[in-house]
Amino acid sequence: MAVVRERLALLEQQRAVRARKAVLANVLDYLALALAVEQRPLEGEAKLLFDIGRYRTLGPYSDALEFYTTSRTADMPTVDDVIQRLGGAKLMASLRVRKDPTQRYASAIARLRALLDDDGPLDAAIDRLVERVALSSNDAGMDGRVNLLTLHSTKGLEFSRVYIVGVEDYQIPGFQAATNNIVEEIEESRRLLYVGMTRARDRLVLTRVERRWGQDTGGSSLLEEMGLIPTDLHESSAGPRPSPTAV
């Protein structure tokens, strides 16, 4: 039994070593955030992971800083201090200027790769692509069906009814753009929202919520600009909030 226990202990050690090596890329931003908050000297593997992950944390496609902002307590470092430890506001600004199509248009790239990676005949893949394009560009004769699209992919299309969900500052234009007043991203989001709204022929519905998953959604400044909700609604806690806006 002693030999069995010893071998089991060795196997467990090997399992732990392999598990540490199998780092998930999609949590590197949170790992770098945790190391920045912890404030301990970094060496070896920890430093390597921090140096890689901090760029993801400061980049435009991570919600790690948003999570930290909403969950930190008074005894924890401020968000500005954490950003400074990760590389500073200047580095964050430069990273957020970059446009990576594989991340910005992830769903479109995934659909394209699904066709490219297909083992079937090329002509069959082309037929499927043409069929999908036809379905996306024409809603005639599609009663009872719903197209789920991003605002980017609606350009040039038109539908009888359009529903735009989550017209909130932390969604459109996004948490970092709204809280840091990143003018370029706000202007782009305003333009995209206009594109989405003008896709409707008969009915347009815009929805928003006050809180999602227990967290504040930041208000709806773009709806306020259009006069669809009072401008002081998010700042005031008095009185009920209106139901989703229908135009």
C-alpha atoms as a PDB file:
ATOM      1  CA  MET A   1       0.000   0.000   0.000  1.00  0.00           C
ATOM      2  CA  ALA A   2       2.854   2.370   0.775  1.00  0.00           C
ATOM      3  CA  VAL A   3       4.220   1.908  -2.751  1.00  0.00           C
ATOM      4  CA  VAL A   4       0.780   2.574  -4.242  1.00  0.00           C
ATOM      5  CA  ARG A   5       0.364   5.752  -2.203  1.00  0.00           C
ATOM      6  CA  GLU A   6       3.813   6.946  -3.229  1.00  0.00           C
ATOM      7  CA  ARG A   7       3.065   6.384  -6.914  1.00  0.00           C
ATOM      8  CA  LEU A   8      -0.282   8.121  -6.580  1.00  0.00           C
ATOM      9  CA  ALA A   9       1.450  11.095  -4.975  1.00  0.00           C
ATOM     10  CA  LEU A  10       3.933  11.248  -7.853  1.00  0.00           C
ATOM     11  CA  LEU A  11       1.098  11.088 -10.382  1.00  0.00           C
ATOM     12  CA  GLU A  12      -0.677  13.917  -8.595  1.00  0.00           C
ATOM     13  CA  GLN A  13       2.474  16.027  -8.728  1.00  0.00           C
ATOM     14  CA  GLN A  14       2.804  15.392 -12.452  1.00  0.00           C
ATOM     15  CA  ARG A  15      -0.865  16.250 -12.977  1.00  0.00           C
ATOM     16  CA  ALA A  16      -0.394  19.542 -11.125  1.00  0.00           C
ATOM     17  CA  VAL A  17       2.690  20.405 -13.200  1.00  0.00           C
ATOM     18  CA  ARG A  18       0.867  19.717 -16.471  1.00  0.00           C
ATOM     19  CA  ALA A  19      -2.210  21.653 -15.335  1.00  0.00           C
ATOM     20  CA  ARG A  20      -0.057  24.708 -14.646  1.00  0.00           C
ATOM     21  CA  LYS A  21       1.371  24.509 -18.144  1.00  0.00           C
ATOM     22  CA  ALA A  22      -2.069  24.279 -19.767  1.00  0.00           C
ATOM     23  CA  VAL A  23      -2.829  27.991 -19.439  1.00  0.00           C
ATOM     24  CA  LEU A  24      -6.033  29.163 -21.088  1.00  0.00           C
ATOM     25  CA  ALA A  25      -5.294  32.192 -23.240  1.00  0.00           C
ATOM     26  CA  ASN A  26      -8.702  33.719 -22.551  1.00  0.00           C
ATOM     27  CA  VAL A  27      -7.926  34.149 -18.827  1.00  0.00           C
ATOM     28  CA  LEU A  28      -4.456  35.668 -19.179  1.00  0.00           C
ATOM     29  CA  ASP A  29      -5.932  39.146 -18.792  1.00  0.00           C
ATOM     30  CA  TYR A  30      -7.441  38.191 -15.433  1.00  0.00           C
ATOM     31  CA  LEU A  31      -4.198  36.539 -14.343  1.00  0.00           C
ATOM     32  CA  ALA A  32      -2.214  39.687 -15.154  1.00  0.00           C
ATOM     33  CA  LEU A  33      -4.810  41.758 -13.299  1.00  0.00           C
ATOM     34  CA  ALA A  34      -4.472  39.533 -10.216  1.00  0.00           C
ATOM     35  CA  LEU A  35      -0.664  39.766 -10.292  1.00  0.00           C
ATOM     36  CA  ALA A  36      -0.866  43.560 -10.591  1.00  0.00           C
ATOM     37  CA  VAL A  37      -3.228  43.788  -7.625  1.00  0.00           C
ATOM     38  CA  GLU A  38      -1.098  41.412  -5.543  1.00  0.00           C
ATOM     39  CA  GLN A  39       1.991  43.684  -5.756  1.00  0.00           C
ATOM     40  CA  ARG A  40       4.622  41.016  -5.179  1.00  0.00           C
ATOM     41  CA  PRO A  41       7.977  40.677  -6.961  1.00  0.00           C
ATOM     42  CA  LEU A  42       7.589  38.623 -10.107  1.00  0.00           C
ATOM     43  CA  GLU A  43      10.112  36.069 -11.248  1.00  0.00           C
ATOM     44  CA  GLY A  44      10.333  33.257 -13.739  1.00  0.00           C
ATOM     45  CA  GLU A  45       7.030  31.900 -14.998  1.00  0.00           C
ATOM     46  CA  ALA A  46       4.924  34.450 -13.108  1.00  0.00           C
ATOM     47  CA  LYS A  47       6.801  37.355 -14.732  1.00  0.00           C
ATOM     48  CA  LEU A  48       6.506  35.779 -18.181  1.00  0.00           C
ATOM     49  CA  LEU A  49       2.750  35.323 -17.844  1.00  0.00           C
ATOM     50  CA  PHE A  50       2.354  38.849 -16.476  1.00  0.00           C
ATOM     51  CA  ASP A  51       4.337  40.394 -19.348  1.00  0.00           C
ATOM     52  CA  ILE A  52       2.118  38.572 -21.863  1.00  0.00           C
ATOM     53  CA  GLY A  53      -1.195  39.015 -20.076  1.00  0.00           C
ATOM     54  CA  ARG A  54      -0.939  42.714 -19.235  1.00  0.00           C
ATOM     55  CA  TYR A  55      -1.306  43.638 -22.900  1.00  0.00           C
ATOM     56  CA  ARG A  56      -4.549  41.676 -23.005  1.00  0.00           C
ATOM     57  CA  THR A  57      -5.782  43.327 -19.797  1.00  0.00           C
ATOM     58  CA  LEU A  58      -5.180  46.824 -21.164  1.00  0.00           C
ATOM     59  CA  GLY A  59      -6.447  45.941 -24.647  1.00  0.00           C
ATOM     60  CA  PRO A  60      -9.908  46.729 -26.034  1.00  0.00           C
ATOM     61  CA  TYR A  61     -11.281  43.187 -25.904  1.00  0.00           C
ATOM     62  CA  SER A  62     -10.937  42.424 -22.172  1.00  0.00           C
ATOM     63  CA  ASP A  63     -13.524  43.100 -19.470  1.00  0.00           C
ATOM     64  CA  ALA A  64     -11.027  42.476 -16.644  1.00  0.00           C
ATOM     65  CA  LEU A  65     -10.725  46.150 -15.686  1.00  0.00           C
ATOM     66  CA  GLU A  66     -14.503  46.517 -15.778  1.00  0.00           C
ATOM     67  CA  PHE A  67     -14.829  43.524 -13.461  1.00  0.00           C
ATOM     68  CA  TYR A  68     -12.232  44.991 -11.094  1.00  0.00           C
ATOM     69  CA  THR A  69     -13.944  48.389 -11.085  1.00  0.00           C
ATOM     70  CA  THR A  70     -17.278  46.916 -10.049  1.00  0.00           C
ATOM     71  CA  SER A  71     -15.922  44.432  -7.507  1.00  0.00           C
ATOM     72  CA  ARG A  72     -13.017  46.204  -5.730  1.00  0.00           C
ATOM     73  CA  THR A  73     -13.292  47.206  -2.070  1.00  0.00           C
ATOM     74  CA  ALA A  74     -11.911  50.273  -0.334  1.00  0.00           C
ATOM     75  CA  ASP A  75      -8.740  48.505   0.861  1.00  0.00           C
ATOM     76  CA  MET A  76      -7.768  47.436  -2.674  1.00  0.00           C
ATOM     77  CA  PRO A  77      -5.644  49.499  -5.127  1.00  0.00           C
ATOM     78  CA  THR A  78      -7.521  51.978  -7.285  1.00  0.00           C
ATOM     79  CA  VAL A  79      -8.167  51.227 -10.939  1.00  0.00           C
ATOM     80  CA  ASP A  80      -5.680  53.932 -11.960  1.00  0.00           C
ATOM     81  CA  ASP A  81      -3.001  52.334  -9.770  1.00  0.00           C
ATOM     82  CA  VAL A  82      -3.648  48.927 -11.356  1.00  0.00           C
ATOM     83  CA  ILE A  83      -3.471  50.413 -14.854  1.00  0.00           C
ATOM     84  CA  GLN A  84      -0.159  52.030 -13.938  1.00  0.00           C
ATOM     85  CA  ARG A  85       1.241  48.696 -12.741  1.00  0.00           C
ATOM     86  CA  LEU A  86       0.112  47.036 -15.949  1.00  0.00           C
ATOM     87  CA  GLY A  87       1.979  49.550 -18.095  1.00  0.00           C
ATOM     88  CA  GLY A  88       0.185  52.870 -17.780  1.00  0.00           C
ATOM     89  CA  ALA A  89      -2.628  54.791 -19.397  1.00  0.00           C
ATOM     90  CA  LYS A  90      -0.468  55.702 -22.404  1.00  0.00           C
ATOM     91  CA  LEU A  91       0.119  52.042 -23.258  1.00  0.00           C
ATOM     92  CA  MET A  92      -3.588  51.286 -22.803  1.00  0.00           C
ATOM     93  CA  ALA A  93      -4.523  54.134 -25.165  1.00  0.00           C
ATOM     94  CA  SER A  94      -2.108  52.889 -27.839  1.00  0.00           C
ATOM     95  CA  LEU A  95      -3.410  49.327 -27.574  1.00  0.00           C
ATOM     96  CA  ARG A  96      -7.000  50.460 -27.913  1.00  0.00           C
ATOM     97  CA  VAL A  97      -6.264  52.268 -31.173  1.00  0.00           C
ATOM     98  CA  ARG A  98      -5.272  49.034 -32.895  1.00  0.00           C
ATOM     99  CA  LYS A  99      -7.941  47.238 -34.885  1.00  0.00           C
ATOM    100  CA  ASP A 100      -7.559  43.459 -34.997  1.00  0.00           C
ATOM    101  CA  PRO A 101     -10.171  42.043 -37.392  1.00  0.00           C
ATOM    102  CA  THR A 102      -9.874  38.521 -35.988  1.00  0.00           C
ATOM    103  CA  GLN A 103     -11.057  39.826 -32.615  1.00  0.00           C
ATOM    104  CA  ARG A 104     -13.311  42.677 -33.688  1.00  0.00           C
ATOM    105  CA  TYR A 105     -15.191  40.510 -36.171  1.00  0.00           C
ATOM    106  CA  ALA A 106     -14.752  37.186 -34.386  1.00  0.00           C
ATOM    107  CA  SER A 107     -18.103  35.693 -35.455  1.00  0.00           C
ATOM    108  CA  ALA A 108     -17.565  36.549 -39.123  1.00  0.00           C
ATOM    109  CA  ILE A 109     -14.029  35.127 -39.084  1.00  0.00           C
ATOM    110  CA  ALA A 110     -15.307  31.956 -37.398  1.00  0.00           C
ATOM    111  CA  ARG A 111     -17.935  31.450 -40.118  1.00  0.00           C
ATOM    112  CA  LEU A 112     -15.328  31.978 -42.828  1.00  0.00           C
ATOM    113  CA  ARG A 113     -12.926  29.522 -41.228  1.00  0.00           C
ATOM    114  CA  ALA A 114     -15.717  26.965 -40.941  1.00  0.00           C
ATOM    115  CA  LEU A 115     -15.935  27.023 -44.728  1.00  0.00           C
ATOM    116  CA  LEU A 116     -12.193  27.047 -45.303  1.00  0.00           C
ATOM    117  CA  ASP A 117     -11.589  24.154 -42.919  1.00  0.00           C
ATOM    118  CA  ASP A 118     -14.298  22.015 -44.508  1.00  0.00           C
ATOM    119  CA  ASP A 119     -12.978  18.693 -45.833  1.00  0.00           C
ATOM    120  CA  GLY A 120     -15.695  18.449 -48.486  1.00  0.00           C
ATOM    121  CA  PRO A 121     -15.437  19.495 -52.138  1.00  0.00           C
ATOM    122  CA  LEU A 122     -14.699  23.141 -52.855  1.00  0.00           C
ATOM    123  CA  ASP A 123     -17.771  23.566 -55.085  1.00  0.00           C
ATOM    124  CA  ALA A 124     -20.011  22.393 -52.218  1.00  0.00           C
ATOM    125  CA  ALA A 125     -18.375  24.908 -49.868  1.00  0.00           C
ATOM    126  CA  ILE A 126     -18.957  27.681 -52.412  1.00  0.00           C
ATOM    127  CA  ASP A 127     -22.613  26.671 -52.766  1.00  0.00           C
ATOM    128  CA  ARG A 128     -23.071  26.886 -48.998  1.00  0.00           C
ATOM    129  CA  LEU A 129     -21.396  30.298 -48.921  1.00  0.00           C
ATOM    130  CA  VAL A 130     -23.626  31.647 -51.699  1.00  0.00           C
ATOM    131  CA  GLU A 131     -26.705  30.284 -49.929  1.00  0.00           C
ATOM    132  CA  ARG A 132     -25.755  32.005 -46.679  1.00  0.00           C
ATOM    133  CA  VAL A 133     -25.115  35.292 -48.455  1.00  0.00           C
ATOM    134  CA  ALA A 134     -28.524  35.073 -50.123  1.00  0.00           C
ATOM    135  CA  LEU A 135     -30.258  34.442 -46.790  1.00  0.00           C
ATOM    136  CA  SER A 136     -28.423  37.355 -45.160  1.00  0.00           C
ATOM    137  CA  SER A 137     -29.173  39.858 -47.921  1.00  0.00           C
ATOM    138  CA  ASN A 138     -32.850  39.138 -48.514  1.00  0.00           C
ATOM    139  CA  ASP A 139     -35.576  38.551 -45.941  1.00  0.00           C
ATOM    140  CA  ALA A 140     -38.315  38.001 -48.517  1.00  0.00           C
ATOM    141  CA  GLY A 141     -40.285  34.844 -47.929  1.00  0.00           C
ATOM    142  CA  MET A 142     -38.700  34.276 -44.522  1.00  0.00           C
ATOM    143  CA  ASP A 143     -41.834  34.547 -42.364  1.00  0.00           C
ATOM    144  CA  GLY A 144     -41.327  33.054 -38.943  1.00  0.00           C
ATOM    145  CA  ARG A 145     -37.536  33.317 -39.096  1.00  0.00           C
ATOM    146  CA  VAL A 146     -35.231  35.673 -37.195  1.00  0.00           C
ATOM    147  CA  ASN A 147     -31.830  36.941 -38.327  1.00  0.00           C
ATOM    148  CA  LEU A 148     -29.410  37.524 -35.442  1.00  0.00           C
ATOM    149  CA  LEU A 149     -26.794  39.998 -36.667  1.00  0.00           C
ATOM    150  CA  THR A 150     -24.173  42.379 -35.329  1.00  0.00           C
ATOM    151  CA  LEU A 151     -24.505  46.073 -36.108  1.00  0.00           C
ATOM    152  CA  HIS A 152     -21.484  45.842 -38.421  1.00  0.00           C
ATOM    153  CA  SER A 153     -23.053  43.092 -40.517  1.00  0.00           C
ATOM    154  CA  THR A 154     -26.351  44.949 -41.104  1.00  0.00           C
ATOM    155  CA  LYS A 155     -24.854  47.428 -43.570  1.00  0.00           C
ATOM    156  CA  GLY A 156     -26.731  47.355 -46.864  1.00  0.00           C
ATOM    157  CA  LEU A 157     -29.554  45.169 -45.503  1.00  0.00           C
ATOM    158  CA  GLU A 158     -33.175  46.021 -44.725  1.00  0.00           C
ATOM    159  CA  PHE A 159     -35.791  44.271 -42.592  1.00  0.00           C
ATOM    160  CA  SER A 160     -39.438  44.753 -41.760  1.00  0.00           C
ATOM    161  CA  ARG A 161     -38.722  44.786 -38.013  1.00  0.00           C
ATOM    162  CA  VAL A 162     -35.474  45.489 -36.228  1.00  0.00           C
ATOM    163  CA  TYR A 163     -34.743  44.944 -32.522  1.00  0.00           C
ATOM    164  CA  ILE A 164     -31.522  46.425 -31.118  1.00  0.00           C
ATOM    165  CA  VAL A 165     -30.836  44.983 -27.681  1.00  0.00           C
ATOM    166  CA  GLY A 166     -28.686  46.582 -24.977  1.00  0.00           C
ATOM    167  CA  VAL A 167     -28.507  50.248 -25.995  1.00  0.00           C
ATOM    168  CA  GLU A 168     -26.568  51.052 -22.830  1.00  0.00           C
ATOM    169  CA  ASP A 169     -23.306  52.905 -22.315  1.00  0.00           C
ATOM    170  CA  TYR A 170     -21.419  49.833 -21.083  1.00  0.00           C
ATOM    171  CA  GLN A 171     -22.520  47.934 -24.215  1.00  0.00           C
ATOM    172  CA  ILE A 172     -22.699  50.705 -26.819  1.00  0.00           C
ATOM    173  CA  PRO A 173     -20.076  52.225 -26.945  1.00  0.00           C
ATOM    174  CA  GLY A 174     -18.631  49.961 -24.204  1.00  0.00           C
ATOM    175  CA  PHE A 175     -17.372  50.259 -20.634  1.00  0.00           C
ATOM    176  CA  GLN A 176     -13.892  51.637 -21.333  1.00  0.00           C
ATOM    177  CA  ALA A 177     -15.072  54.071 -24.019  1.00  0.00           C
ATOM    178  CA  ALA A 178     -17.871  55.389 -21.797  1.00  0.00           C
ATOM    179  CA  THR A 179     -15.912  55.709 -18.552  1.00  0.00           C
ATOM    180  CA  ASN A 180     -12.769  57.134 -20.188  1.00  0.00           C
ATOM    181  CA  ASN A 181     -14.670  59.284 -22.724  1.00  0.00           C
ATOM    182  CA  ILE A 182     -12.829  57.816 -25.729  1.00  0.00           C
ATOM    183  CA  VAL A 183     -14.283  60.126 -28.368  1.00  0.00           C
ATOM    184  CA  GLU A 184     -13.332  58.038 -31.421  1.00  0.00           C
ATOM    185  CA  GLU A 185     -15.038  54.890 -30.099  1.00  0.00           C
ATOM    186  CA  ILE A 186     -18.113  56.833 -28.990  1.00  0.00           C
ATOM    187  CA  GLU A 187     -18.446  58.423 -32.440  1.00  0.00           C
ATOM    188  CA  GLU A 188     -18.068  55.028 -34.119  1.00  0.00           C
ATOM    189  CA  SER A 189     -20.733  53.520 -31.857  1.00  0.00           C
ATOM    190  CA  ARG A 190     -23.091  56.413 -32.572  1.00  0.00           C
ATOM    191  CA  ARG A 191     -22.635  55.836 -36.311  1.00  0.00           C
ATOM    192  CA  LEU A 192     -23.162  52.072 -35.997  1.00  0.00           C
ATOM    193  CA  LEU A 193     -26.302  52.541 -33.942  1.00  0.00           C
ATOM    194  CA  TYR A 194     -27.668  54.855 -36.644  1.00  0.00           C
ATOM    195  CA  VAL A 195     -26.865  52.211 -39.284  1.00  0.00           C
ATOM    196  CA  GLY A 196     -28.744  49.574 -37.286  1.00  0.00           C
ATOM    197  CA  MET A 197     -31.740  51.827 -36.683  1.00  0.00           C
ATOM    198  CA  THR A 198     -32.105  52.699 -40.354  1.00  0.00           C
ATOM    199  CA  ARG A 199     -32.329  49.018 -41.327  1.00  0.00           C
ATOM    200  CA  ALA A 200     -35.989  48.930 -40.201  1.00  0.00           C
ATOM    201  CA  ARG A 201     -38.789  49.441 -42.732  1.00  0.00           C
ATOM    202  CA  ASP A 202     -41.857  49.166 -40.490  1.00  0.00           C
ATOM    203  CA  ARG A 203     -40.907  48.904 -36.831  1.00  0.00           C
ATOM    204  CA  LEU A 204     -37.809  49.640 -34.728  1.00  0.00           C
ATOM    205  CA  VAL A 205     -37.444  48.575 -31.097  1.00  0.00           C
ATOM    206  CA  LEU A 206     -34.537  49.683 -28.885  1.00  0.00           C
ATOM    207  CA  THR A 207     -34.124  48.036 -25.497  1.00  0.00           C
ATOM    208  CA  ARG A 208     -32.064  48.795 -22.408  1.00  0.00           C
ATOM    209  CA  VAL A 209     -31.929  47.713 -18.778  1.00  0.00           C
ATOM    210  CA  GLU A 210     -30.865  49.466 -15.605  1.00  0.00           C
ATOM    211  CA  ARG A 211     -28.812  46.525 -14.293  1.00  0.00           C
ATOM    212  CA  ARG A 212     -27.475  43.306 -15.838  1.00  0.00           C
ATOM    213  CA  TRP A 213     -26.186  40.386 -13.751  1.00  0.00           C
ATOM    214  CA  GLY A 214     -26.479  42.654 -10.714  1.00  0.00           C
ATOM    215  CA  GLN A 215     -24.194  45.340 -12.205  1.00  0.00           C
ATOM    216  CA  ASP A 216     -24.996  48.873 -13.347  1.00  0.00           C
ATOM    217  CA  THR A 217     -25.192  49.257 -17.141  1.00  0.00           C
ATOM    218  CA  GLY A 218     -23.981  52.869 -17.144  1.00  0.00           C
ATOM    219  CA  GLY A 219     -27.087  54.612 -18.439  1.00  0.00           C
ATOM    220  CA  SER A 220     -28.116  55.189 -22.056  1.00  0.00           C
ATOM    221  CA  SER A 221     -26.505  58.411 -23.268  1.00  0.00           C
ATOM    222  CA  LEU A 222     -27.172  57.667 -26.949  1.00  0.00           C
ATOM    223  CA  LEU A 223     -30.897  57.302 -26.244  1.00  0.00           C
ATOM    224  CA  GLU A 224     -30.750  60.505 -24.214  1.00  0.00           C
ATOM    225  CA  GLU A 225     -29.188  62.324 -27.170  1.00  0.00           C
ATOM    226  CA  MET A 226     -32.150  61.257 -29.311  1.00  0.00           C
ATOM    227  CA  GLY A 227     -34.619  62.462 -26.681  1.00  0.00           C
ATOM    228  CA  LEU A 228     -36.028  58.977 -26.159  1.00  0.00           C
ATOM    229  CA  ILE A 229     -35.401  59.055 -22.397  1.00  0.00           C
ATOM    230  CA  PRO A 230     -34.864  61.988 -19.983  1.00  0.00           C
ATOM    231  CA  THR A 231     -31.227  63.115 -19.748  1.00  0.00           C
ATOM    232  CA  ASP A 232     -31.235  63.017 -15.944  1.00  0.00           C
ATOM    233  CA  LEU A 233     -32.799  59.562 -15.686  1.00  0.00           C
ATOM    234  CA  HIS A 234     -29.600  57.671 -14.845  1.00  0.00           C
ATOM    235  CA  GLU A 235     -28.468  60.247 -12.268  1.00  0.00           C
ATOM    236  CA  SER A 236     -31.763  60.312 -10.405  1.00  0.00           C
ATOM    237  CA  SER A 237     -32.905  57.440  -8.248  1.00  0.00           C
ATOM    238  CA  ALA A 238     -36.411  58.829  -7.748  1.00  0.00           C
ATOM    239  CA  GLY A 239     -39.380  57.424  -9.601  1.00  0.00           C
ATOM    240  CA  PRO A 240     -39.786  54.385 -11.822  1.00  0.00           C
ATOM    241  CA  ARG A 241     -37.800  54.016 -15.022  1.00  0.00           C
ATOM    242  CA  PRO A 242     -39.679  53.721 -18.294  1.00  0.00           C
ATOM    243  CA  SER A 243     -40.090  50.453 -20.142  1.00  0.00           C
ATOM    244  CA  PRO A 244     -37.961  49.691 -23.254  1.00  0.00           C
ATOM    245  CA  THR A 245     -38.403  52.330 -25.923  1.00  0.00           C
ATOM    246  CA  ALA A 246     -40.308  51.499 -29.097  1.00  0.00           C
ATOM    247  CA  VAL A 247     -40.112  53.757 -32.135  1.00  0.00           C
END
